[in-house]
Amino acid sequence: MTMNTKDGTTFLVSIESELDKLSIGELHILHRRVGERLRIVHAAQDLQAMFRFSVGDCVSFEREGARIEGRIIRINRRSVTVATDSRGEWKVAPSLLILRAR
């Protein structure tokens, strides 16, 4: 399985032909492995994003089309707690936060 084109179409065709050969059991195993890999990648991205922030930083994030601004009051293992003036506290994934000027 090699990627010969810039957009990866040859790679995807090759993957699809390999998937067609798998049994239902093998597809379930592959599904679990892909899910595990995605969780690891997302956790690594969140951890990397976490290092951008400190308690006291001013941040913003989007929620249902509205921009919410606040200050970081706690940094947890998987989320950041943001306190706002009018909307209380929010637990937010660090990858969703935008650092603002103080």
PDB file of N, CA and C in Angstrom:
ATOM      1  N   MET A   1       0.827  -1.182   0.000  1.00  0.00           N
ATOM      2  CA  MET A   1       0.000   0.000   0.000  1.00  0.00           C
ATOM      3  C   MET A   1       0.870   1.244   0.000  1.00  0.00           C
ATOM      4  N   THR A   2       0.967   1.884  -1.126  1.00  0.00           N
ATOM      5  CA  THR A   2       1.748   3.116  -1.220  1.00  0.00           C
ATOM      6  C   THR A   2       0.862   4.227  -1.726  1.00  0.00           C
ATOM      7  N   MET A   3       1.216   5.444  -1.357  1.00  0.00           N
ATOM      8  CA  MET A   3       0.466   6.595  -1.802  1.00  0.00           C
ATOM      9  C   MET A   3       1.202   7.204  -2.985  1.00  0.00           C
ATOM     10  N   ASN A   4       0.637   7.046  -4.177  1.00  0.00           N
ATOM     11  CA  ASN A   4       1.302   7.507  -5.385  1.00  0.00           C
ATOM     12  C   ASN A   4       0.852   8.882  -5.846  1.00  0.00           C
ATOM     13  N   THR A   5      -0.312   9.336  -5.389  1.00  0.00           N
ATOM     14  CA  THR A   5      -0.813  10.622  -5.866  1.00  0.00           C
ATOM     15  C   THR A   5      -0.811  11.639  -4.745  1.00  0.00           C
ATOM     16  N   LYS A   6      -0.822  12.894  -5.120  1.00  0.00           N
ATOM     17  CA  LYS A   6      -0.771  13.977  -4.145  1.00  0.00           C
ATOM     18  C   LYS A   6      -2.011  13.978  -3.250  1.00  0.00           C
ATOM     19  N   ASP A   7      -3.167  13.646  -3.808  1.00  0.00           N
ATOM     20  CA  ASP A   7      -4.395  13.677  -3.017  1.00  0.00           C
ATOM     21  C   ASP A   7      -4.689  12.359  -2.315  1.00  0.00           C
ATOM     22  N   GLY A   8      -3.856  11.344  -2.499  1.00  0.00           N
ATOM     23  CA  GLY A   8      -4.013  10.086  -1.784  1.00  0.00           C
ATOM     24  C   GLY A   8      -5.029   9.133  -2.370  1.00  0.00           C
ATOM     25  N   THR A   9      -5.534   9.381  -3.580  1.00  0.00           N
ATOM     26  CA  THR A   9      -6.568   8.518  -4.147  1.00  0.00           C
ATOM     27  C   THR A   9      -6.067   7.106  -4.385  1.00  0.00           C
ATOM     28  N   THR A  10      -4.840   6.934  -4.835  1.00  0.00           N
ATOM     29  CA  THR A  10      -4.296   5.591  -5.046  1.00  0.00           C
ATOM     30  C   THR A  10      -4.234   4.842  -3.727  1.00  0.00           C
ATOM     31  N   PHE A  11      -3.832   5.515  -2.683  1.00  0.00           N
ATOM     32  CA  PHE A  11      -3.773   4.929  -1.353  1.00  0.00           C
ATOM     33  C   PHE A  11      -5.157   4.468  -0.907  1.00  0.00           C
ATOM     34  N   LEU A  12      -6.159   5.328  -1.085  1.00  0.00           N
ATOM     35  CA  LEU A  12      -7.516   4.984  -0.654  1.00  0.00           C
ATOM     36  C   LEU A  12      -8.084   3.816  -1.445  1.00  0.00           C
ATOM     37  N   VAL A  13      -7.824   3.748  -2.732  1.00  0.00           N
ATOM     38  CA  VAL A  13      -8.285   2.633  -3.546  1.00  0.00           C
ATOM     39  C   VAL A  13      -7.643   1.342  -3.050  1.00  0.00           C
ATOM     40  N   SER A  14      -6.369   1.401  -2.727  1.00  0.00           N
ATOM     41  CA  SER A  14      -5.666   0.236  -2.215  1.00  0.00           C
ATOM     42  C   SER A  14      -6.247  -0.211  -0.876  1.00  0.00           C
ATOM     43  N   ILE A  15      -6.537   0.734   0.000  1.00  0.00           N
ATOM     44  CA  ILE A  15      -7.144   0.414   1.300  1.00  0.00           C
ATOM     45  C   ILE A  15      -8.513  -0.227   1.094  1.00  0.00           C
ATOM     46  N   GLU A  16      -9.315   0.347   0.218  1.00  0.00           N
ATOM     47  CA  GLU A  16     -10.651  -0.193  -0.030  1.00  0.00           C
ATOM     48  C   GLU A  16     -10.589  -1.625  -0.546  1.00  0.00           C
ATOM     49  N   SER A  17      -9.645  -1.917  -1.425  1.00  0.00           N
ATOM     50  CA  SER A  17      -9.538  -3.278  -1.944  1.00  0.00           C
ATOM     51  C   SER A  17      -9.104  -4.238  -0.837  1.00  0.00           C
ATOM     52  N   GLU A  18      -8.256  -3.787   0.078  1.00  0.00           N
ATOM     53  CA  GLU A  18      -7.852  -4.628   1.210  1.00  0.00           C
ATOM     54  C   GLU A  18      -9.012  -4.830   2.180  1.00  0.00           C
ATOM     55  N   LEU A  19      -9.812  -3.794   2.408  1.00  0.00           N
ATOM     56  CA  LEU A  19     -10.963  -3.910   3.310  1.00  0.00           C
ATOM     57  C   LEU A  19     -11.976  -4.929   2.790  1.00  0.00           C
ATOM     58  N   ASP A  20     -12.139  -4.970   1.486  1.00  0.00           N
ATOM     59  CA  ASP A  20     -13.082  -5.918   0.891  1.00  0.00           C
ATOM     60  C   ASP A  20     -12.704  -7.365   1.185  1.00  0.00           C
ATOM     61  N   LYS A  21     -11.462  -7.623   1.500  1.00  0.00           N
ATOM     62  CA  LYS A  21     -10.987  -8.985   1.763  1.00  0.00           C
ATOM     63  C   LYS A  21     -11.187  -9.419   3.215  1.00  0.00           C
ATOM     64  N   LEU A  22     -11.516  -8.486   4.102  1.00  0.00           N
ATOM     65  CA  LEU A  22     -11.607  -8.792   5.521  1.00  0.00           C
ATOM     66  C   LEU A  22     -12.963  -9.394   5.894  1.00  0.00           C
ATOM     67  N   SER A  23     -12.942 -10.286   6.878  1.00  0.00           N
ATOM     68  CA  SER A  23     -14.180 -10.868   7.403  1.00  0.00           C
ATOM     69  C   SER A  23     -14.821  -9.866   8.367  1.00  0.00           C
ATOM     70  N   ILE A  24     -16.037 -10.160   8.798  1.00  0.00           N
ATOM     71  CA  ILE A  24     -16.729  -9.283   9.751  1.00  0.00           C
ATOM     72  C   ILE A  24     -15.934  -9.190  11.048  1.00  0.00           C
ATOM     73  N   GLY A  25     -15.423 -10.306  11.527  1.00  0.00           N
ATOM     74  CA  GLY A  25     -14.628 -10.299  12.749  1.00  0.00           C
ATOM     75  C   GLY A  25     -13.391  -9.442  12.619  1.00  0.00           C
ATOM     76  N   GLU A  26     -12.707  -9.570  11.481  1.00  0.00           N
ATOM     77  CA  GLU A  26     -11.505  -8.761  11.248  1.00  0.00           C
ATOM     78  C   GLU A  26     -11.849  -7.281  11.134  1.00  0.00           C
ATOM     79  N   LEU A  27     -13.005  -6.980  10.529  1.00  0.00           N
ATOM     80  CA  LEU A  27     -13.435  -5.583  10.436  1.00  0.00           C
ATOM     81  C   LEU A  27     -13.730  -5.009  11.822  1.00  0.00           C
ATOM     82  N   HIS A  28     -14.331  -5.815  12.709  1.00  0.00           N
ATOM     83  CA  HIS A  28     -14.584  -5.356  14.076  1.00  0.00           C
ATOM     84  C   HIS A  28     -13.282  -5.077  14.812  1.00  0.00           C
ATOM     85  N   ILE A  29     -12.305  -5.949  14.641  1.00  0.00           N
ATOM     86  CA  ILE A  29     -10.993  -5.744  15.266  1.00  0.00           C
ATOM     87  C   ILE A  29     -10.357  -4.465  14.729  1.00  0.00           C
ATOM     88  N   LEU A  30     -10.408  -4.282  13.419  1.00  0.00           N
ATOM     89  CA  LEU A  30      -9.852  -3.078  12.802  1.00  0.00           C
ATOM     90  C   LEU A  30     -10.563  -1.829  13.324  1.00  0.00           C
ATOM     91  N   HIS A  31     -11.879  -1.905  13.445  1.00  0.00           N
ATOM     92  CA  HIS A  31     -12.669  -0.781  13.946  1.00  0.00           C
ATOM     93  C   HIS A  31     -12.210  -0.392  15.352  1.00  0.00           C
ATOM     94  N   ARG A  32     -12.024  -1.389  16.217  1.00  0.00           N
ATOM     95  CA  ARG A  32     -11.542  -1.118  17.577  1.00  0.00           C
ATOM     96  C   ARG A  32     -10.153  -0.493  17.560  1.00  0.00           C
ATOM     97  N   ARG A  33      -9.273  -1.014  16.709  1.00  0.00           N
ATOM     98  CA  ARG A  33      -7.903  -0.491  16.646  1.00  0.00           C
ATOM     99  C   ARG A  33      -7.883   0.947  16.131  1.00  0.00           C
ATOM    100  N   VAL A  34      -8.715   1.237  15.126  1.00  0.00           N
ATOM    101  CA  VAL A  34      -8.783   2.604  14.608  1.00  0.00           C
ATOM    102  C   VAL A  34      -9.321   3.538  15.685  1.00  0.00           C
ATOM    103  N   GLY A  35     -10.360   3.100  16.405  1.00  0.00           N
ATOM    104  CA  GLY A  35     -10.908   3.913  17.495  1.00  0.00           C
ATOM    105  C   GLY A  35      -9.879   4.185  18.576  1.00  0.00           C
ATOM    106  N   GLU A  36      -9.115   3.160  18.955  1.00  0.00           N
ATOM    107  CA  GLU A  36      -8.061   3.329  19.954  1.00  0.00           C
ATOM    108  C   GLU A  36      -7.014   4.327  19.470  1.00  0.00           C
ATOM    109  N   ARG A  37      -6.627   4.189  18.219  1.00  0.00           N
ATOM    110  CA  ARG A  37      -5.608   5.081  17.652  1.00  0.00           C
ATOM    111  C   ARG A  37      -6.104   6.531  17.623  1.00  0.00           C
ATOM    112  N   LEU A  38      -7.374   6.722  17.260  1.00  0.00           N
ATOM    113  CA  LEU A  38      -7.940   8.074  17.241  1.00  0.00           C
ATOM    114  C   LEU A  38      -7.967   8.673  18.644  1.00  0.00           C
ATOM    115  N   ARG A  39      -8.315   7.873  19.647  1.00  0.00           N
ATOM    116  CA  ARG A  39      -8.316   8.367  21.021  1.00  0.00           C
ATOM    117  C   ARG A  39      -6.907   8.790  21.455  1.00  0.00           C
ATOM    118  N   ILE A  40      -5.908   8.008  21.091  1.00  0.00           N
ATOM    119  CA  ILE A  40      -4.521   8.343  21.442  1.00  0.00           C
ATOM    120  C   ILE A  40      -4.085   9.634  20.755  1.00  0.00           C
ATOM    121  N   VAL A  41      -4.402   9.765  19.472  1.00  0.00           N
ATOM    122  CA  VAL A  41      -4.022  10.972  18.727  1.00  0.00           C
ATOM    123  C   VAL A  41      -4.720  12.195  19.297  1.00  0.00           C
ATOM    124  N   HIS A  42      -6.016  12.088  19.597  1.00  0.00           N
ATOM    125  CA  HIS A  42      -6.746  13.226  20.166  1.00  0.00           C
ATOM    126  C   HIS A  42      -6.212  13.588  21.545  1.00  0.00           C
ATOM    127  N   ALA A  43      -5.882  12.592  22.356  1.00  0.00           N
ATOM    128  CA  ALA A  43      -5.328  12.867  23.681  1.00  0.00           C
ATOM    129  C   ALA A  43      -3.988  13.594  23.561  1.00  0.00           C
ATOM    130  N   ALA A  44      -3.161  13.176  22.620  1.00  0.00           N
ATOM    131  CA  ALA A  44      -1.866  13.833  22.407  1.00  0.00           C
ATOM    132  C   ALA A  44      -2.061  15.276  21.940  1.00  0.00           C
ATOM    133  N   GLN A  45      -3.022  15.494  21.065  1.00  0.00           N
ATOM    134  CA  GLN A  45      -3.300  16.850  20.587  1.00  0.00           C
ATOM    135  C   GLN A  45      -3.805  17.731  21.720  1.00  0.00           C
ATOM    136  N   ASP A  46      -4.704  17.176  22.564  1.00  0.00           N
ATOM    137  CA  ASP A  46      -5.218  17.943  23.695  1.00  0.00           C
ATOM    138  C   ASP A  46      -4.110  18.268  24.684  1.00  0.00           C
ATOM    139  N   LEU A  47      -3.219  17.314  24.936  1.00  0.00           N
ATOM    140  CA  LEU A  47      -2.108  17.553  25.855  1.00  0.00           C
ATOM    141  C   LEU A  47      -1.192  18.640  25.309  1.00  0.00           C
ATOM    142  N   GLN A  48      -0.907  18.571  24.017  1.00  0.00           N
ATOM    143  CA  GLN A  48      -0.063  19.596  23.398  1.00  0.00           C
ATOM    144  C   GLN A  48      -0.742  20.962  23.481  1.00  0.00           C
ATOM    145  N   ALA A  49      -2.044  21.004  23.233  1.00  0.00           N
ATOM    146  CA  ALA A  49      -2.784  22.266  23.312  1.00  0.00           C
ATOM    147  C   ALA A  49      -2.805  22.788  24.749  1.00  0.00           C
ATOM    148  N   MET A  50      -2.845  21.868  25.717  1.00  0.00           N
ATOM    149  CA  MET A  50      -2.903  22.244  27.124  1.00  0.00           C
ATOM    150  C   MET A  50      -1.687  23.065  27.536  1.00  0.00           C
ATOM    151  N   PHE A  51      -0.532  22.755  26.971  1.00  0.00           N
ATOM    152  CA  PHE A  51       0.701  23.452  27.344  1.00  0.00           C
ATOM    153  C   PHE A  51       0.715  24.908  26.886  1.00  0.00           C
ATOM    154  N   ARG A  52      -0.209  25.296  26.023  1.00  0.00           N
ATOM    155  CA  ARG A  52      -0.279  26.687  25.562  1.00  0.00           C
ATOM    156  C   ARG A  52      -0.892  27.599  26.619  1.00  0.00           C
ATOM    157  N   PHE A  53      -1.562  27.015  27.618  1.00  0.00           N
ATOM    158  CA  PHE A  53      -2.366  27.805  28.551  1.00  0.00           C
ATOM    159  C   PHE A  53      -1.838  27.736  29.980  1.00  0.00           C
ATOM    160  N   SER A  54      -2.179  28.789  30.731  1.00  0.00           N
ATOM    161  CA  SER A  54      -1.869  28.858  32.155  1.00  0.00           C
ATOM    162  C   SER A  54      -3.106  29.377  32.878  1.00  0.00           C
ATOM    163  N   VAL A  55      -3.202  29.064  34.170  1.00  0.00           N
ATOM    164  CA  VAL A  55      -4.283  29.621  34.975  1.00  0.00           C
ATOM    165  C   VAL A  55      -4.177  31.137  34.930  1.00  0.00           C
ATOM    166  N   GLY A  56      -5.303  31.792  34.697  1.00  0.00           N
ATOM    167  CA  GLY A  56      -5.337  33.249  34.601  1.00  0.00           C
ATOM    168  C   GLY A  56      -5.378  33.767  33.177  1.00  0.00           C
ATOM    169  N   ASP A  57      -5.067  32.925  32.196  1.00  0.00           N
ATOM    170  CA  ASP A  57      -5.111  33.354  30.791  1.00  0.00           C
ATOM    171  C   ASP A  57      -6.534  33.697  30.377  1.00  0.00           C
ATOM    172  N   CYS A  58      -6.652  34.720  29.549  1.00  0.00           N
ATOM    173  CA  CYS A  58      -7.935  35.084  28.952  1.00  0.00           C
ATOM    174  C   CYS A  58      -8.096  34.270  27.668  1.00  0.00           C
ATOM    175  N   VAL A  59      -9.245  33.609  27.526  1.00  0.00           N
ATOM    176  CA  VAL A  59      -9.492  32.754  26.373  1.00  0.00           C
ATOM    177  C   VAL A  59     -10.912  32.967  25.866  1.00  0.00           C
ATOM    178  N   SER A  60     -11.157  32.455  24.684  1.00  0.00           N
ATOM    179  CA  SER A  60     -12.511  32.441  24.144  1.00  0.00           C
ATOM    180  C   SER A  60     -12.727  31.124  23.420  1.00  0.00           C
ATOM    181  N   PHE A  61     -14.013  30.789  23.214  1.00  0.00           N
ATOM    182  CA  PHE A  61     -14.394  29.596  22.465  1.00  0.00           C
ATOM    183  C   PHE A  61     -15.791  29.799  21.913  1.00  0.00           C
ATOM    184  N   GLU A  62     -16.149  28.987  20.956  1.00  0.00           N
ATOM    185  CA  GLU A  62     -17.457  29.071  20.318  1.00  0.00           C
ATOM    186  C   GLU A  62     -18.401  28.050  20.933  1.00  0.00           C
ATOM    187  N   ARG A  63     -19.639  28.455  21.188  1.00  0.00           N
ATOM    188  CA  ARG A  63     -20.669  27.547  21.696  1.00  0.00           C
ATOM    189  C   ARG A  63     -21.987  27.907  21.032  1.00  0.00           C
ATOM    190  N   GLU A  64     -22.485  26.985  20.211  1.00  0.00           N
ATOM    191  CA  GLU A  64     -23.754  27.182  19.489  1.00  0.00           C
ATOM    192  C   GLU A  64     -23.777  28.522  18.758  1.00  0.00           C
ATOM    193  N   GLY A  65     -22.683  28.846  18.097  1.00  0.00           N
ATOM    194  CA  GLY A  65     -22.598  30.053  17.284  1.00  0.00           C
ATOM    195  C   GLY A  65     -22.262  31.317  18.055  1.00  0.00           C
ATOM    196  N   ALA A  66     -22.212  31.231  19.383  1.00  0.00           N
ATOM    197  CA  ALA A  66     -21.882  32.411  20.191  1.00  0.00           C
ATOM    198  C   ALA A  66     -20.443  32.316  20.681  1.00  0.00           C
ATOM    199  N   ARG A  67     -19.794  33.459  20.725  1.00  0.00           N
ATOM    200  CA  ARG A  67     -18.423  33.504  21.238  1.00  0.00           C
ATOM    201  C   ARG A  67     -18.484  33.747  22.744  1.00  0.00           C
ATOM    202  N   ILE A  68     -17.842  32.875  23.491  1.00  0.00           N
ATOM    203  CA  ILE A  68     -17.820  32.987  24.946  1.00  0.00           C
ATOM    204  C   ILE A  68     -16.393  33.309  25.365  1.00  0.00           C
ATOM    205  N   GLU A  69     -16.255  34.337  26.208  1.00  0.00           N
ATOM    206  CA  GLU A  69     -14.941  34.766  26.673  1.00  0.00           C
ATOM    207  C   GLU A  69     -14.860  34.607  28.177  1.00  0.00           C
ATOM    208  N   GLY A  70     -13.678  34.247  28.644  1.00  0.00           N
ATOM    209  CA  GLY A  70     -13.496  34.097  30.082  1.00  0.00           C
ATOM    210  C   GLY A  70     -12.035  33.951  30.434  1.00  0.00           C
ATOM    211  N   ARG A  71     -11.822  33.536  31.690  1.00  0.00           N
ATOM    212  CA  ARG A  71     -10.471  33.386  32.218  1.00  0.00           C
ATOM    213  C   ARG A  71     -10.310  31.958  32.733  1.00  0.00           C
ATOM    214  N   ILE A  72      -9.155  31.359  32.449  1.00  0.00           N
ATOM    215  CA  ILE A  72      -8.886  29.989  32.901  1.00  0.00           C
ATOM    216  C   ILE A  72      -8.693  30.006  34.417  1.00  0.00           C
ATOM    217  N   ILE A  73      -9.481  29.150  35.104  1.00  0.00           N
ATOM    218  CA  ILE A  73      -9.353  29.066  36.555  1.00  0.00           C
ATOM    219  C   ILE A  73      -8.790  27.710  36.995  1.00  0.00           C
ATOM    220  N   ARG A  74      -8.820  26.719  36.089  1.00  0.00           N
ATOM    221  CA  ARG A  74      -8.311  25.391  36.434  1.00  0.00           C
ATOM    222  C   ARG A  74      -7.913  24.658  35.167  1.00  0.00           C
ATOM    223  N   ILE A  75      -6.795  23.942  35.248  1.00  0.00           N
ATOM    224  CA  ILE A  75      -6.376  23.098  34.136  1.00  0.00           C
ATOM    225  C   ILE A  75      -6.396  21.663  34.638  1.00  0.00           C
ATOM    226  N   ASN A  76      -7.264  20.874  34.075  1.00  0.00           N
ATOM    227  CA  ASN A  76      -7.424  19.473  34.454  1.00  0.00           C
ATOM    228  C   ASN A  76      -6.671  18.591  33.469  1.00  0.00           C
ATOM    229  N   ARG A  77      -6.789  17.289  33.664  1.00  0.00           N
ATOM    230  CA  ARG A  77      -6.072  16.352  32.794  1.00  0.00           C
ATOM    231  C   ARG A  77      -6.579  16.407  31.353  1.00  0.00           C
ATOM    232  N   ARG A  78      -7.888  16.523  31.169  1.00  0.00           N
ATOM    233  CA  ARG A  78      -8.454  16.505  29.811  1.00  0.00           C
ATOM    234  C   ARG A  78      -9.184  17.779  29.416  1.00  0.00           C
ATOM    235  N   SER A  79      -9.410  18.657  30.355  1.00  0.00           N
ATOM    236  CA  SER A  79     -10.177  19.858  30.045  1.00  0.00           C
ATOM    237  C   SER A  79      -9.626  21.055  30.805  1.00  0.00           C
ATOM    238  N   VAL A  80     -10.102  22.214  30.400  1.00  0.00           N
ATOM    239  CA  VAL A  80      -9.744  23.476  31.046  1.00  0.00           C
ATOM    240  C   VAL A  80     -11.040  24.088  31.543  1.00  0.00           C
ATOM    241  N   THR A  81     -11.041  24.560  32.778  1.00  0.00           N
ATOM    242  CA  THR A  81     -12.230  25.219  33.310  1.00  0.00           C
ATOM    243  C   THR A  81     -12.090  26.715  33.094  1.00  0.00           C
ATOM    244  N   VAL A  82     -13.095  27.276  32.424  1.00  0.00           N
ATOM    245  CA  VAL A  82     -13.099  28.695  32.081  1.00  0.00           C
ATOM    246  C   VAL A  82     -14.248  29.364  32.824  1.00  0.00           C
ATOM    247  N   ALA A  83     -13.940  30.436  33.555  1.00  0.00           N
ATOM    248  CA  ALA A  83     -14.967  31.208  34.254  1.00  0.00           C
ATOM    249  C   ALA A  83     -15.292  32.448  33.431  1.00  0.00           C
ATOM    250  N   THR A  84     -16.594  32.697  33.282  1.00  0.00           N
ATOM    251  CA  THR A  84     -17.037  33.884  32.556  1.00  0.00           C
ATOM    252  C   THR A  84     -17.732  34.826  33.530  1.00  0.00           C
ATOM    253  N   ASP A  85     -17.900  36.067  33.117  1.00  0.00           N
ATOM    254  CA  ASP A  85     -18.574  37.037  33.981  1.00  0.00           C
ATOM    255  C   ASP A  85     -20.066  36.747  34.096  1.00  0.00           C
ATOM    256  N   SER A  86     -20.675  36.324  33.002  1.00  0.00           N
ATOM    257  CA  SER A  86     -22.135  36.206  33.013  1.00  0.00           C
ATOM    258  C   SER A  86     -22.677  34.794  32.823  1.00  0.00           C
ATOM    259  N   ARG A  87     -21.857  33.871  32.353  1.00  0.00           N
ATOM    260  CA  ARG A  87     -22.377  32.549  32.009  1.00  0.00           C
ATOM    261  C   ARG A  87     -21.828  31.418  32.880  1.00  0.00           C
ATOM    262  N   GLY A  88     -21.210  31.721  33.991  1.00  0.00           N
ATOM    263  CA  GLY A  88     -20.729  30.692  34.894  1.00  0.00           C
ATOM    264  C   GLY A  88     -19.408  30.074  34.454  1.00  0.00           C
ATOM    265  N   GLU A  89     -19.233  28.807  34.841  1.00  0.00           N
ATOM    266  CA  GLU A  89     -18.008  28.084  34.515  1.00  0.00           C
ATOM    267  C   GLU A  89     -18.269  27.046  33.432  1.00  0.00           C
ATOM    268  N   TRP A  90     -17.261  26.852  32.583  1.00  0.00           N
ATOM    269  CA  TRP A  90     -17.358  25.898  31.481  1.00  0.00           C
ATOM    270  C   TRP A  90     -16.139  24.984  31.498  1.00  0.00           C
ATOM    271  N   LYS A  91     -16.360  23.699  31.296  1.00  0.00           N
ATOM    272  CA  LYS A  91     -15.252  22.771  31.066  1.00  0.00           C
ATOM    273  C   LYS A  91     -15.120  22.614  29.563  1.00  0.00           C
ATOM    274  N   VAL A  92     -13.939  22.959  29.038  1.00  0.00           N
ATOM    275  CA  VAL A  92     -13.745  23.032  27.595  1.00  0.00           C
ATOM    276  C   VAL A  92     -12.486  22.253  27.217  1.00  0.00           C
ATOM    277  N   ALA A  93     -12.544  21.539  26.095  1.00  0.00           N
ATOM    278  CA  ALA A  93     -11.350  20.878  25.567  1.00  0.00           C
ATOM    279  C   ALA A  93     -10.357  21.965  25.165  1.00  0.00           C
ATOM    280  N   PRO A  94      -9.089  21.812  25.507  1.00  0.00           N
ATOM    281  CA  PRO A  94      -8.110  22.859  25.202  1.00  0.00           C
ATOM    282  C   PRO A  94      -7.975  23.137  23.716  1.00  0.00           C
ATOM    283  N   SER A  95      -8.267  22.145  22.873  1.00  0.00           N
ATOM    284  CA  SER A  95      -8.157  22.355  21.431  1.00  0.00           C
ATOM    285  C   SER A  95      -9.213  23.339  20.915  1.00  0.00           C
ATOM    286  N   LEU A  96     -10.245  23.610  21.694  1.00  0.00           N
ATOM    287  CA  LEU A  96     -11.303  24.540  21.278  1.00  0.00           C
ATOM    288  C   LEU A  96     -11.065  25.970  21.740  1.00  0.00           C
ATOM    289  N   LEU A  97     -10.046  26.167  22.576  1.00  0.00           N
ATOM    290  CA  LEU A  97      -9.798  27.483  23.142  1.00  0.00           C
ATOM    291  C   LEU A  97      -8.887  28.333  22.257  1.00  0.00           C
ATOM    292  N   ILE A  98      -9.170  29.638  22.278  1.00  0.00           N
ATOM    293  CA  ILE A  98      -8.348  30.619  21.581  1.00  0.00           C
ATOM    294  C   ILE A  98      -7.804  31.566  22.641  1.00  0.00           C
ATOM    295  N   LEU A  99      -6.500  31.695  22.698  1.00  0.00           N
ATOM    296  CA  LEU A  99      -5.849  32.580  23.666  1.00  0.00           C
ATOM    297  C   LEU A  99      -6.059  34.021  23.235  1.00  0.00           C
ATOM    298  N   ARG A 100      -6.520  34.854  24.173  1.00  0.00           N
ATOM    299  CA  ARG A 100      -6.744  36.272  23.888  1.00  0.00           C
ATOM    300  C   ARG A 100      -5.699  37.114  24.622  1.00  0.00           C
ATOM    301  N   ALA A 101      -5.536  38.344  24.175  1.00  0.00           N
ATOM    302  CA  ALA A 101      -4.631  39.265  24.865  1.00  0.00           C
ATOM    303  C   ALA A 101      -5.239  39.630  26.205  1.00  0.00           C
ATOM    304  N   ARG A 102      -4.392  39.807  27.207  1.00  0.00           N
ATOM    305  CA  ARG A 102      -4.891  40.124  28.552  1.00  0.00           C
ATOM    306  C   ARG A 102      -5.424  41.513  28.655  1.00  0.00           C
TER     307      ARG A 102
END
